[in-house]
């Protein structure tokens, strides 16, 4: 695929806001015919720029769950230690996301909890038992800005 141009970037921006937008509406917004717009979307998909589409699922009211961002530092950063840690993380569905990081910590994890009591259980039963963990630093979120739409948008 050729380099991504301004029209492709605009298509991607609009799809991030609303991936269910009709092709006709998307084409109108970016100034293309519907067939040309669909062709560009297919090229973006084939090139792996668009890897898929998803639904933002509300796991209850925003007051029911709290996202906790956890920075994990390992004792050692050898391939064996990283592999053991990652294999262990995959066994726990409570851990929603896990990123290998650069900088001050080795991994960034995200869990969702109903409250401090549930997080204490996850911390004690899961996080502190993961292999090779040297340090755990947790932060509780207030609100996920990008997971909610501005008022008036569908």
Protein backbone atom coordinates (compact mmCIF):
# COMPACT_ATOMS: atom_id res chain seq x y z
CA UNK A 1 0.00 0.00 0.00
CA UNK A 2 1.20 3.51 -0.78
CA UNK A 3 1.78 5.95 2.07
CA UNK A 4 -1.23 7.00 4.07
CA UNK A 5 -2.46 10.40 2.91
CA UNK A 6 -4.71 13.03 4.48
CA UNK A 7 -7.90 11.34 3.23
CA UNK A 8 -6.84 8.00 4.75
CA UNK A 9 -6.02 9.74 8.04
CA UNK A 10 -9.45 11.38 7.98
CA UNK A 11 -11.13 8.02 7.30
CA UNK A 12 -9.23 6.50 10.23
CA UNK A 13 -10.14 9.41 12.51
CA UNK A 14 -13.84 9.09 11.68
CA UNK A 15 -13.83 5.30 12.07
CA UNK A 16 -12.21 5.67 15.51
CA UNK A 17 -15.09 7.93 16.51
CA UNK A 18 -17.76 5.68 15.04
CA UNK A 19 -16.82 2.43 13.27
CA UNK A 20 -20.52 1.82 12.54
CA UNK A 21 -20.79 4.94 10.39
CA UNK A 22 -22.26 3.99 7.03
CA UNK A 23 -19.91 3.96 4.07
CA UNK A 24 -22.10 6.54 2.32
CA UNK A 25 -21.86 8.93 5.29
CA UNK A 26 -18.12 8.30 5.67
CA UNK A 27 -17.56 8.96 1.97
CA UNK A 28 -19.52 12.20 2.20
CA UNK A 29 -17.49 13.31 5.25
CA UNK A 30 -14.13 12.70 3.53
CA UNK A 31 -15.18 13.97 0.09
CA UNK A 32 -15.08 10.70 -1.87
CA UNK A 33 -17.59 8.61 -3.76
CA UNK A 34 -18.87 5.64 -1.74
CA UNK A 35 -17.01 3.17 -3.99
CA UNK A 36 -13.71 5.05 -3.68
CA UNK A 37 -14.13 5.28 0.09
CA UNK A 38 -14.84 1.56 0.38
CA UNK A 39 -11.82 0.79 -1.80
CA UNK A 40 -9.59 2.85 0.54
CA UNK A 41 -11.00 1.10 3.61
CA UNK A 42 -10.32 -2.30 2.05
CA UNK A 43 -6.74 -1.26 1.21
CA UNK A 44 -6.24 -0.06 4.80
CA UNK A 45 -7.58 -3.40 6.06
CA UNK A 46 -5.42 -5.45 3.67
CA UNK A 47 -2.32 -3.46 4.65
CA UNK A 48 -3.04 -4.15 8.33
CA UNK A 49 -3.55 -0.49 9.18
CA UNK A 50 -7.11 -1.35 10.18
CA UNK A 51 -6.74 -4.61 12.11
CA UNK A 52 -10.36 -5.04 13.10
CA UNK A 53 -13.46 -3.45 14.54
CA UNK A 54 -14.71 -3.70 18.08
CA UNK A 55 -17.53 -2.72 20.37
CA UNK A 56 -17.03 -0.74 23.55
CA UNK A 57 -18.90 -2.84 26.07
CA UNK A 58 -20.12 -1.27 29.26
CA UNK A 59 -19.35 -3.70 32.07
CA UNK A 60 -21.96 -1.99 34.20
CA UNK A 61 -22.37 1.62 35.11
CA UNK A 62 -19.11 3.53 35.27
CA UNK A 63 -19.64 3.77 39.02
CA UNK A 64 -19.59 -0.04 39.33
CA UNK A 65 -16.05 -0.68 38.10
CA UNK A 66 -12.74 1.03 38.53
CA UNK A 67 -9.84 0.50 36.15
CA UNK A 68 -6.58 -0.04 37.97
CA UNK A 69 -3.34 0.59 36.11
CA UNK A 70 -0.49 -1.48 37.52
CA UNK A 71 3.21 -1.01 36.83
CA UNK A 72 5.23 -4.17 37.38
CA UNK A 73 9.01 -4.29 37.72
CA UNK A 74 10.66 -7.69 37.41
CA UNK A 75 13.72 -8.89 39.29
CA UNK A 76 15.45 -9.66 36.00
CA UNK A 77 14.67 -8.84 32.36
CA UNK A 78 16.01 -12.00 30.73
CA UNK A 79 13.98 -13.71 28.04
CA UNK A 80 13.26 -16.59 30.42
CA UNK A 81 11.91 -14.24 33.11
CA UNK A 82 9.80 -12.29 30.62
CA UNK A 83 8.37 -15.51 29.14
CA UNK A 84 7.49 -16.96 32.56
CA UNK A 85 5.82 -13.71 33.63
CA UNK A 86 3.80 -13.42 30.40
CA UNK A 87 2.70 -17.08 30.55
CA UNK A 88 1.47 -16.55 34.11
CA UNK A 89 -0.40 -13.35 33.20
CA UNK A 90 -2.25 -15.16 30.39
CA UNK A 91 -3.76 -17.54 32.98
CA UNK A 92 -5.64 -14.75 34.78
CA UNK A 93 -8.69 -13.29 32.97
CA UNK A 94 -8.88 -10.61 35.65
CA UNK A 95 -5.90 -9.00 33.91
CA UNK A 96 -7.56 -7.27 30.96
CA UNK A 97 -4.41 -5.87 29.30
CA UNK A 98 -0.68 -6.39 29.65
CA UNK A 99 1.96 -4.33 27.86
CA UNK A 100 5.72 -4.86 27.82
CA UNK A 101 7.12 -1.38 28.43
CA UNK A 102 10.24 0.70 28.22
CA UNK A 103 11.16 3.12 30.97
CA UNK A 104 10.75 2.78 34.70
CA UNK A 105 8.72 -0.44 34.81
CA UNK A 106 8.76 -3.61 32.76
CA UNK A 107 5.01 -4.18 32.33
CA UNK A 108 1.83 -2.14 32.49
CA UNK A 109 -1.30 -4.11 33.39
CA UNK A 110 -4.95 -3.10 33.55
CA UNK A 111 -7.57 -4.74 35.72
CA UNK A 112 -11.14 -3.70 36.49
CA UNK A 113 -12.50 -4.02 40.00
CA UNK A 114 -15.67 -3.21 41.87
CA UNK A 115 -13.75 -1.65 44.73
CA UNK A 116 -10.74 -1.72 47.00
CA UNK A 117 -11.68 -5.09 48.49
CA UNK A 118 -11.70 -6.80 45.12
CA UNK A 119 -8.39 -5.18 44.21
CA UNK A 120 -6.88 -6.35 47.49
CA UNK A 121 -7.83 -9.94 46.56
CA UNK A 122 -6.32 -9.58 43.07
CA UNK A 123 -3.18 -8.01 44.52
CA UNK A 124 -2.75 -10.74 47.13
CA UNK A 125 -3.87 -13.79 45.12
CA UNK A 126 -2.61 -12.89 41.64
CA UNK A 127 -0.23 -9.95 41.29
CA UNK A 128 2.03 -10.79 44.22
CA UNK A 129 2.27 -14.43 43.08
CA UNK A 130 3.34 -13.69 39.50
CA UNK A 131 6.85 -15.04 38.91
CA UNK A 132 9.80 -12.71 39.15
CA UNK A 133 7.93 -9.63 40.42
CA UNK A 134 10.15 -7.20 42.28
CA UNK A 135 7.81 -4.19 42.57
CA UNK A 136 4.09 -3.49 42.07
CA UNK A 137 2.82 0.08 41.74
CA UNK A 138 -0.94 0.57 41.30
CA UNK A 139 -3.02 3.60 40.35
CA UNK A 140 -6.81 3.79 40.39
CA UNK A 141 -8.44 5.56 37.46
CA UNK A 142 -11.07 8.23 37.73
CA UNK A 143 -12.58 7.91 34.23
CA UNK A 144 -11.61 6.56 30.80
CA UNK A 145 -11.90 9.63 28.60
CA UNK A 146 -11.52 7.77 25.27
CA UNK A 147 -14.01 5.00 26.08
CA UNK A 148 -16.89 7.43 26.40
CA UNK A 149 -18.37 9.48 23.62
CA UNK A 150 -18.89 13.21 23.96
CA UNK A 151 -22.50 14.04 24.72
CA UNK A 152 -24.68 14.19 21.61
CA UNK A 153 -22.71 11.61 19.57
CA UNK A 154 -23.92 8.17 18.65
